[in-house]
C-alpha cells in the first residue's frame, strides 16, 4: 500500500476514512499474510495531522468498531490485525505519521532520509480546537515551584516524573487547601516522565539548594515572561 497524498502526505479526515476501510479489508482477507506500507514521496512517509481549516470534518468522524475515535480505532485494529504489517519508511513520519508506524508490527527506515518524531506543545499554547468554555479556571505555576514539586515527588513518593508533572501536582495541592475543596478528592494527571529530564538541570547537583537550581533552569531557558508562566488547566 503506497501513500500518495501530495504535497506532503498529511493525515486528514479523508485519510482516516480510507485507512479504516483498508483495515476492514485486512481483517477479513483470510488469504492475506503481509501488508507493506510505503510512500510515493521520498521526503514524506506520513506527515502530521491536518484539520484542513475545518475541524468539523474531524469531529464528524464516527467511532470505529472498538468504540474509540476513528484514528485511534484504526491504529489499534492495525496493531492487532492477523497479518504482518510493515512500515517501509523513507522521509518524515511525525505526529500522526509516527503513531501509524508504531502501530505496524515491523518498521524499516532509510538511514539517509528518515525523520521520526512527535510534536511537543509549548507551555501556554492554546489550540484552535480547544473550547475554552469547558475550562473553569487557569492556574499558574512558577518554574521554581514546578521543579521543587517534581523533586519532592521523586524523593518522598518515589514518582519519577518531569517538570510539567510537578506543576500539575503543585496546582492540585494548592486547590486542595482551599475551603471549598475541603474533604474533596483531588485528581490530577502527571503528563511527563522524568527520563527525558535526566540530562537537564532538574536532576543536576542534587546536593545543592533547590531554589538556586530552579533559578538556573529559568536562566538557561532564557525565559522572558512574567513569573508564573507555566500553566495547568483545572476543569
Foldseek 3Di string as FASTA:
>chain_A
DEQDDPDAAECELVNLVVLLVVLVVQQPDPVAAEDEYAYPDLAHRHEAHDHPVPVVSQVPQAPDPVRHRSLVVSLQSLLVGNHQYEYEDGHEQEHSRLSNRVSGNYYHYDPVGYDYYYDDDDFPDDDPPDDCVVFPDKFFAFLLQLLVQCVCCCVPVVAFADSLQSVFVVVQVVVCPDPVNDPHDGDTDGDGGNPVCCPDLSPPPPVDDSSVSSVVNCVVVVDDDDGRRGMDTDD
